[in-house]
């Protein structure tokens, strides 16, 4: 099966040309587009999750040969969590080539964190099946890039880090206030303000309350770091 121009461009973005193009097509086909003659990417996502985990575990061991398991575990979790996978998907504009059914398309599926995260894992599996483990490892290390060397700063999620920052200074836990909600019911957009009892605050907008809270907490932490 031939790839569309969009998928050929996507191959260029990820740095891998498929010997078996059907694997890439399957990797970008969401369950909402599946049919008896068209496989979706759920099985590939299952495999890709395991390949990603193995690559990241090995990379972390090699990067810090003296680190204990208790130190490595939060770093590992930060690198493989769905938010990080979705960020990688956005870097390579994976959302633009995902094949979606009408319902998912209307509900803003191309921007959904879980959908993007699953799809990038499916692409990893497709590369693994197409060219082997070394090619999949090279892809992962290339796409994750500096996230691996900077993982210590991201080993805790932003909300946890902000709460620990406040507690260490004897402050009350941060508040998260929804300041705006826009968009249709099937694809809402939330604006959340993260606030400390000192009056410091920052806000962020995202397609889910959880994403917006995390982004607001991250923005406030950056602001606090800049001010100190």
C-alpha atoms as a PDB file:
ATOM      1  CA  UNK A   1       0.000   0.000   0.000  1.00  0.00           C
ATOM      2  CA  UNK A   2       1.309   3.443  -0.921  1.00  0.00           C
ATOM      3  CA  UNK A   3       1.620   6.189   1.631  1.00  0.00           C
ATOM      4  CA  UNK A   4      -0.117   9.511   1.195  1.00  0.00           C
ATOM      5  CA  UNK A   5       1.941  12.661   0.795  1.00  0.00           C
ATOM      6  CA  UNK A   6       1.117  13.560   4.406  1.00  0.00           C
ATOM      7  CA  UNK A   7       2.454  10.255   5.713  1.00  0.00           C
ATOM      8  CA  UNK A   8       5.582  10.512   3.573  1.00  0.00           C
ATOM      9  CA  UNK A   9       6.176  13.929   5.115  1.00  0.00           C
ATOM     10  CA  UNK A  10       5.618  12.379   8.534  1.00  0.00           C
ATOM     11  CA  UNK A  11       8.277   9.761   7.767  1.00  0.00           C
ATOM     12  CA  UNK A  12      10.660  12.645   7.193  1.00  0.00           C
ATOM     13  CA  UNK A  13       9.720  14.232  10.520  1.00  0.00           C
ATOM     14  CA  UNK A  14      10.496  11.078  12.471  1.00  0.00           C
ATOM     15  CA  UNK A  15      13.541  10.111  10.410  1.00  0.00           C
ATOM     16  CA  UNK A  16      12.382   6.637   9.369  1.00  0.00           C
ATOM     17  CA  UNK A  17      11.278   5.336   5.968  1.00  0.00           C
ATOM     18  CA  UNK A  18       9.075   2.277   6.254  1.00  0.00           C
ATOM     19  CA  UNK A  19       9.876  -0.871   4.299  1.00  0.00           C
ATOM     20  CA  UNK A  20       6.342  -1.991   5.192  1.00  0.00           C
ATOM     21  CA  UNK A  21       4.135   1.114   4.842  1.00  0.00           C
ATOM     22  CA  UNK A  22       1.090  -0.775   6.132  1.00  0.00           C
ATOM     23  CA  UNK A  23       2.632  -0.670   9.607  1.00  0.00           C
ATOM     24  CA  UNK A  24       2.638   3.112   9.634  1.00  0.00           C
ATOM     25  CA  UNK A  25      -0.921   3.255   8.323  1.00  0.00           C
ATOM     26  CA  UNK A  26      -2.029   0.922  11.116  1.00  0.00           C
ATOM     27  CA  UNK A  27      -0.126   2.980  13.696  1.00  0.00           C
ATOM     28  CA  UNK A  28      -1.997   6.163  12.805  1.00  0.00           C
ATOM     29  CA  UNK A  29      -5.451   4.548  12.560  1.00  0.00           C
ATOM     30  CA  UNK A  30      -7.548   5.211  15.648  1.00  0.00           C
ATOM     31  CA  UNK A  31     -10.137   2.705  16.863  1.00  0.00           C
ATOM     32  CA  UNK A  32     -12.881   5.062  15.662  1.00  0.00           C
ATOM     33  CA  UNK A  33     -11.736   4.337  12.097  1.00  0.00           C
ATOM     34  CA  UNK A  34     -11.322   0.572  12.418  1.00  0.00           C
ATOM     35  CA  UNK A  35     -13.336  -1.911  10.356  1.00  0.00           C
ATOM     36  CA  UNK A  36     -13.177  -5.616   9.471  1.00  0.00           C
ATOM     37  CA  UNK A  37     -10.708  -4.720   6.730  1.00  0.00           C
ATOM     38  CA  UNK A  38      -8.857  -1.939   8.555  1.00  0.00           C
ATOM     39  CA  UNK A  39      -6.849  -2.562  11.745  1.00  0.00           C
ATOM     40  CA  UNK A  40      -6.567   0.136  14.380  1.00  0.00           C
ATOM     41  CA  UNK A  41      -3.474   0.993  16.413  1.00  0.00           C
ATOM     42  CA  UNK A  42      -4.440  -0.521  19.777  1.00  0.00           C
ATOM     43  CA  UNK A  43      -2.312  -3.653  19.461  1.00  0.00           C
ATOM     44  CA  UNK A  44       0.655  -1.595  18.277  1.00  0.00           C
ATOM     45  CA  UNK A  45       0.170   0.816  21.190  1.00  0.00           C
ATOM     46  CA  UNK A  46       0.372  -2.150  23.584  1.00  0.00           C
ATOM     47  CA  UNK A  47       3.669  -3.258  22.071  1.00  0.00           C
ATOM     48  CA  UNK A  48       5.091   0.237  21.725  1.00  0.00           C
ATOM     49  CA  UNK A  49       4.512   0.955  25.400  1.00  0.00           C
ATOM     50  CA  UNK A  50       6.763  -1.998  26.274  1.00  0.00           C
ATOM     51  CA  UNK A  51       9.455  -1.044  23.766  1.00  0.00           C
ATOM     52  CA  UNK A  52       9.478   2.526  25.096  1.00  0.00           C
ATOM     53  CA  UNK A  53       9.774   1.279  28.658  1.00  0.00           C
ATOM     54  CA  UNK A  54      12.732  -0.961  27.869  1.00  0.00           C
ATOM     55  CA  UNK A  55      14.564   1.768  25.969  1.00  0.00           C
ATOM     56  CA  UNK A  56      14.026   4.332  28.716  1.00  0.00           C
ATOM     57  CA  UNK A  57      15.057   1.937  31.474  1.00  0.00           C
ATOM     58  CA  UNK A  58      18.289   1.168  29.627  1.00  0.00           C
ATOM     59  CA  UNK A  59      18.951   4.844  28.855  1.00  0.00           C
ATOM     60  CA  UNK A  60      18.515   5.842  32.491  1.00  0.00           C
ATOM     61  CA  UNK A  61      20.820   3.081  33.727  1.00  0.00           C
ATOM     62  CA  UNK A  62      23.496   4.153  31.261  1.00  0.00           C
ATOM     63  CA  UNK A  63      23.075   7.852  32.081  1.00  0.00           C
ATOM     64  CA  UNK A  64      23.524   7.417  35.846  1.00  0.00           C
ATOM     65  CA  UNK A  65      25.388   4.226  36.679  1.00  0.00           C
ATOM     66  CA  UNK A  66      25.254   4.880  40.425  1.00  0.00           C
ATOM     67  CA  UNK A  67      21.567   5.737  40.780  1.00  0.00           C
ATOM     68  CA  UNK A  68      19.416   3.599  43.051  1.00  0.00           C
ATOM     69  CA  UNK A  69      16.071   2.167  41.967  1.00  0.00           C
ATOM     70  CA  UNK A  70      14.262   4.710  44.125  1.00  0.00           C
ATOM     71  CA  UNK A  71      15.949   7.497  42.165  1.00  0.00           C
ATOM     72  CA  UNK A  72      15.452   5.912  38.752  1.00  0.00           C
ATOM     73  CA  UNK A  73      11.755   5.082  39.160  1.00  0.00           C
ATOM     74  CA  UNK A  74      10.388   8.655  39.193  1.00  0.00           C
ATOM     75  CA  UNK A  75      12.658   9.586  36.293  1.00  0.00           C
ATOM     76  CA  UNK A  76      11.366   6.618  34.330  1.00  0.00           C
ATOM     77  CA  UNK A  77       7.765   7.488  35.102  1.00  0.00           C
ATOM     78  CA  UNK A  78       8.313  11.077  33.961  1.00  0.00           C
ATOM     79  CA  UNK A  79       9.700   9.933  30.610  1.00  0.00           C
ATOM     80  CA  UNK A  80       7.045   7.353  29.742  1.00  0.00           C
ATOM     81  CA  UNK A  81       3.898   8.967  31.158  1.00  0.00           C
ATOM     82  CA  UNK A  82       1.122   9.861  28.774  1.00  0.00           C
ATOM     83  CA  UNK A  83       1.743  13.615  29.079  1.00  0.00           C
ATOM     84  CA  UNK A  84       5.332  13.199  27.859  1.00  0.00           C
ATOM     85  CA  UNK A  85       4.305  10.898  25.016  1.00  0.00           C
ATOM     86  CA  UNK A  86       1.698  13.436  23.950  1.00  0.00           C
ATOM     87  CA  UNK A  87       4.297  16.225  24.016  1.00  0.00           C
ATOM     88  CA  UNK A  88       6.511  14.154  21.724  1.00  0.00           C
ATOM     89  CA  UNK A  89       3.527  13.553  19.434  1.00  0.00           C
ATOM     90  CA  UNK A  90       2.942  17.308  19.215  1.00  0.00           C
ATOM     91  CA  UNK A  91       6.637  17.906  18.397  1.00  0.00           C
ATOM     92  CA  UNK A  92       6.312  15.717  15.301  1.00  0.00           C
ATOM     93  CA  UNK A  93       2.781  16.902  14.462  1.00  0.00           C
ATOM     94  CA  UNK A  94       1.450  13.365  14.747  1.00  0.00           C
ATOM     95  CA  UNK A  95      -2.073  14.656  15.271  1.00  0.00           C
ATOM     96  CA  UNK A  96      -2.168  15.907  11.693  1.00  0.00           C
ATOM     97  CA  UNK A  97      -1.877  12.382  10.244  1.00  0.00           C
ATOM     98  CA  UNK A  98      -3.987  10.354  12.695  1.00  0.00           C
ATOM     99  CA  UNK A  99      -6.956   8.715  10.980  1.00  0.00           C
ATOM    100  CA  UNK A 100     -10.079   9.391  13.005  1.00  0.00           C
ATOM    101  CA  UNK A 101     -13.745   8.554  12.765  1.00  0.00           C
ATOM    102  CA  UNK A 102     -16.170  11.419  12.483  1.00  0.00           C
ATOM    103  CA  UNK A 103     -17.142  11.414  16.160  1.00  0.00           C
ATOM    104  CA  UNK A 104     -13.532  11.678  17.323  1.00  0.00           C
ATOM    105  CA  UNK A 105     -12.738  14.298  14.722  1.00  0.00           C
ATOM    106  CA  UNK A 106     -15.665  16.465  15.782  1.00  0.00           C
ATOM    107  CA  UNK A 107     -14.705  16.137  19.453  1.00  0.00           C
ATOM    108  CA  UNK A 108     -11.160  17.413  18.823  1.00  0.00           C
ATOM    109  CA  UNK A 109      -9.449  14.027  18.863  1.00  0.00           C
ATOM    110  CA  UNK A 110      -6.292  15.319  17.187  1.00  0.00           C
ATOM    111  CA  UNK A 111      -5.585  17.378  20.310  1.00  0.00           C
ATOM    112  CA  UNK A 112      -6.478  14.782  22.952  1.00  0.00           C
ATOM    113  CA  UNK A 113      -3.593  13.871  25.200  1.00  0.00           C
ATOM    114  CA  UNK A 114      -4.453  10.185  25.606  1.00  0.00           C
ATOM    115  CA  UNK A 115      -5.057   9.710  21.895  1.00  0.00           C
ATOM    116  CA  UNK A 116      -1.758  11.388  20.978  1.00  0.00           C
ATOM    117  CA  UNK A 117       0.174   9.443  23.603  1.00  0.00           C
ATOM    118  CA  UNK A 118      -1.236   6.129  22.422  1.00  0.00           C
ATOM    119  CA  UNK A 119      -0.485   6.987  18.803  1.00  0.00           C
ATOM    120  CA  UNK A 120       3.164   7.805  19.414  1.00  0.00           C
ATOM    121  CA  UNK A 121       3.570   4.455  21.180  1.00  0.00           C
ATOM    122  CA  UNK A 122       1.958   2.765  18.172  1.00  0.00           C
ATOM    123  CA  UNK A 123       4.441   4.492  15.869  1.00  0.00           C
ATOM    124  CA  UNK A 124       7.302   3.203  18.045  1.00  0.00           C
ATOM    125  CA  UNK A 125       5.956  -0.341  17.684  1.00  0.00           C
ATOM    126  CA  UNK A 126       5.570   0.114  13.930  1.00  0.00           C
ATOM    127  CA  UNK A 127       9.226   1.104  13.621  1.00  0.00           C
ATOM    128  CA  UNK A 128      10.231  -1.825  15.843  1.00  0.00           C
ATOM    129  CA  UNK A 129       8.355  -4.313  13.667  1.00  0.00           C
ATOM    130  CA  UNK A 130       9.558  -2.661  10.466  1.00  0.00           C
ATOM    131  CA  UNK A 131      13.271  -2.429  11.252  1.00  0.00           C
ATOM    132  CA  UNK A 132      14.045  -3.993  14.619  1.00  0.00           C
ATOM    133  CA  UNK A 133      14.911  -2.916  18.138  1.00  0.00           C
ATOM    134  CA  UNK A 134      17.932  -0.767  17.268  1.00  0.00           C
ATOM    135  CA  UNK A 135      15.857   1.357  14.882  1.00  0.00           C
ATOM    136  CA  UNK A 136      13.116   1.765  17.495  1.00  0.00           C
ATOM    137  CA  UNK A 137      15.660   2.712  20.151  1.00  0.00           C
ATOM    138  CA  UNK A 138      17.270   5.267  17.859  1.00  0.00           C
ATOM    139  CA  UNK A 139      13.831   6.728  17.095  1.00  0.00           C
ATOM    140  CA  UNK A 140      12.924   7.033  20.772  1.00  0.00           C
ATOM    141  CA  UNK A 141      16.224   8.592  21.790  1.00  0.00           C
ATOM    142  CA  UNK A 142      15.982  11.038  18.894  1.00  0.00           C
ATOM    143  CA  UNK A 143      12.396  12.062  19.589  1.00  0.00           C
ATOM    144  CA  UNK A 144      12.753  12.304  23.369  1.00  0.00           C
ATOM    145  CA  UNK A 145      16.067  14.142  22.977  1.00  0.00           C
ATOM    146  CA  UNK A 146      16.947  16.468  25.836  1.00  0.00           C
ATOM    147  CA  UNK A 147      13.998  15.260  27.886  1.00  0.00           C
ATOM    148  CA  UNK A 148      16.202  12.357  28.964  1.00  0.00           C
ATOM    149  CA  UNK A 149      19.121  14.472  30.195  1.00  0.00           C
ATOM    150  CA  UNK A 150      16.761  16.944  31.858  1.00  0.00           C
ATOM    151  CA  UNK A 151      14.474  14.354  33.420  1.00  0.00           C
ATOM    152  CA  UNK A 152      15.533  15.064  36.998  1.00  0.00           C
ATOM    153  CA  UNK A 153      13.742  18.409  36.873  1.00  0.00           C
ATOM    154  CA  UNK A 154      10.615  16.728  35.508  1.00  0.00           C
ATOM    155  CA  UNK A 155      10.659  13.593  37.674  1.00  0.00           C
ATOM    156  CA  UNK A 156       7.783  14.907  39.754  1.00  0.00           C
ATOM    157  CA  UNK A 157       4.641  16.218  38.148  1.00  0.00           C
ATOM    158  CA  UNK A 158       4.237  19.987  38.404  1.00  0.00           C
ATOM    159  CA  UNK A 159       1.337  19.951  40.879  1.00  0.00           C
ATOM    160  CA  UNK A 160       3.300  17.751  43.283  1.00  0.00           C
ATOM    161  CA  UNK A 161       6.395  19.908  42.913  1.00  0.00           C
ATOM    162  CA  UNK A 162       4.423  23.093  43.558  1.00  0.00           C
ATOM    163  CA  UNK A 163       2.758  21.627  46.640  1.00  0.00           C
ATOM    164  CA  UNK A 164       6.132  20.527  48.019  1.00  0.00           C
ATOM    165  CA  UNK A 165       7.522  24.008  47.320  1.00  0.00           C
ATOM    166  CA  UNK A 166       4.671  25.573  49.312  1.00  0.00           C
ATOM    167  CA  UNK A 167       4.938  23.098  52.190  1.00  0.00           C
ATOM    168  CA  UNK A 168       8.683  23.645  52.514  1.00  0.00           C
ATOM    169  CA  UNK A 169       7.965  27.325  53.162  1.00  0.00           C
ATOM    170  CA  UNK A 170       5.112  26.791  55.579  1.00  0.00           C
ATOM    171  CA  UNK A 171       2.461  27.896  53.078  1.00  0.00           C
ATOM    172  CA  UNK A 172      -0.971  26.472  52.471  1.00  0.00           C
ATOM    173  CA  UNK A 173      -1.364  24.034  49.563  1.00  0.00           C
ATOM    174  CA  UNK A 174      -1.937  25.730  46.182  1.00  0.00           C
ATOM    175  CA  UNK A 175      -5.463  26.398  44.976  1.00  0.00           C
ATOM    176  CA  UNK A 176      -6.583  25.649  41.423  1.00  0.00           C
ATOM    177  CA  UNK A 177      -9.405  27.864  40.232  1.00  0.00           C
ATOM    178  CA  UNK A 178     -11.250  27.502  36.937  1.00  0.00           C
ATOM    179  CA  UNK A 179     -11.329  31.033  35.550  1.00  0.00           C
ATOM    180  CA  UNK A 180     -12.819  30.311  32.148  1.00  0.00           C
ATOM    181  CA  UNK A 181     -14.391  27.576  30.073  1.00  0.00           C
ATOM    182  CA  UNK A 182     -14.940  27.912  26.354  1.00  0.00           C
ATOM    183  CA  UNK A 183     -15.615  25.805  23.302  1.00  0.00           C
ATOM    184  CA  UNK A 184     -18.463  23.398  22.580  1.00  0.00           C
ATOM    185  CA  UNK A 185     -19.577  20.777  25.096  1.00  0.00           C
ATOM    186  CA  UNK A 186     -17.912  17.981  23.148  1.00  0.00           C
ATOM    187  CA  UNK A 187     -14.539  19.788  23.087  1.00  0.00           C
ATOM    188  CA  UNK A 188     -14.289  22.156  26.061  1.00  0.00           C
ATOM    189  CA  UNK A 189     -11.246  24.307  26.745  1.00  0.00           C
ATOM    190  CA  UNK A 190     -10.409  25.140  30.359  1.00  0.00           C
ATOM    191  CA  UNK A 191      -8.404  28.020  31.803  1.00  0.00           C
ATOM    192  CA  UNK A 192      -7.094  27.289  35.299  1.00  0.00           C
ATOM    193  CA  UNK A 193      -5.290  29.615  37.686  1.00  0.00           C
ATOM    194  CA  UNK A 194      -2.796  28.115  40.157  1.00  0.00           C
ATOM    195  CA  UNK A 195      -2.599  30.321  43.244  1.00  0.00           C
ATOM    196  CA  UNK A 196      -0.501  30.427  46.398  1.00  0.00           C
ATOM    197  CA  UNK A 197      -1.466  32.044  49.692  1.00  0.00           C
ATOM    198  CA  UNK A 198       1.277  34.614  49.067  1.00  0.00           C
ATOM    199  CA  UNK A 199      -0.746  35.959  46.149  1.00  0.00           C
ATOM    200  CA  UNK A 200       1.554  34.508  43.490  1.00  0.00           C
ATOM    201  CA  UNK A 201      -0.376  32.969  40.613  1.00  0.00           C
ATOM    202  CA  UNK A 202      -0.148  31.756  37.040  1.00  0.00           C
ATOM    203  CA  UNK A 203      -2.710  30.424  34.623  1.00  0.00           C
ATOM    204  CA  UNK A 204      -2.838  28.052  31.682  1.00  0.00           C
ATOM    205  CA  UNK A 205      -5.347  26.775  29.149  1.00  0.00           C
ATOM    206  CA  UNK A 206      -5.822  23.194  27.943  1.00  0.00           C
ATOM    207  CA  UNK A 207      -8.392  20.732  26.705  1.00  0.00           C
ATOM    208  CA  UNK A 208      -8.859  19.100  30.113  1.00  0.00           C
ATOM    209  CA  UNK A 209      -8.867  20.388  33.675  1.00  0.00           C
ATOM    210  CA  UNK A 210      -5.993  18.089  34.621  1.00  0.00           C
ATOM    211  CA  UNK A 211      -3.784  19.303  31.777  1.00  0.00           C
ATOM    212  CA  UNK A 212      -4.613  22.929  32.556  1.00  0.00           C
ATOM    213  CA  UNK A 213      -3.846  22.460  36.255  1.00  0.00           C
ATOM    214  CA  UNK A 214      -0.509  20.836  35.501  1.00  0.00           C
ATOM    215  CA  UNK A 215       0.393  23.559  33.012  1.00  0.00           C
ATOM    216  CA  UNK A 216      -0.599  26.311  35.447  1.00  0.00           C
ATOM    217  CA  UNK A 217       1.461  24.709  38.221  1.00  0.00           C
ATOM    218  CA  UNK A 218       4.442  24.434  35.865  1.00  0.00           C
ATOM    219  CA  UNK A 219       4.094  28.087  34.854  1.00  0.00           C
ATOM    220  CA  UNK A 220       3.914  29.185  38.489  1.00  0.00           C
ATOM    221  CA  UNK A 221       6.988  27.141  39.400  1.00  0.00           C
ATOM    222  CA  UNK A 222       8.907  28.756  36.540  1.00  0.00           C
ATOM    223  CA  UNK A 223       7.787  32.175  37.755  1.00  0.00           C
ATOM    224  CA  UNK A 224       8.867  31.427  41.324  1.00  0.00           C
ATOM    225  CA  UNK A 225      12.241  30.157  40.126  1.00  0.00           C
ATOM    226  CA  UNK A 226      12.743  33.316  38.084  1.00  0.00           C
ATOM    227  CA  UNK A 227      11.861  35.549  41.045  1.00  0.00           C
ATOM    228  CA  UNK A 228      14.299  33.889  43.455  1.00  0.00           C
END
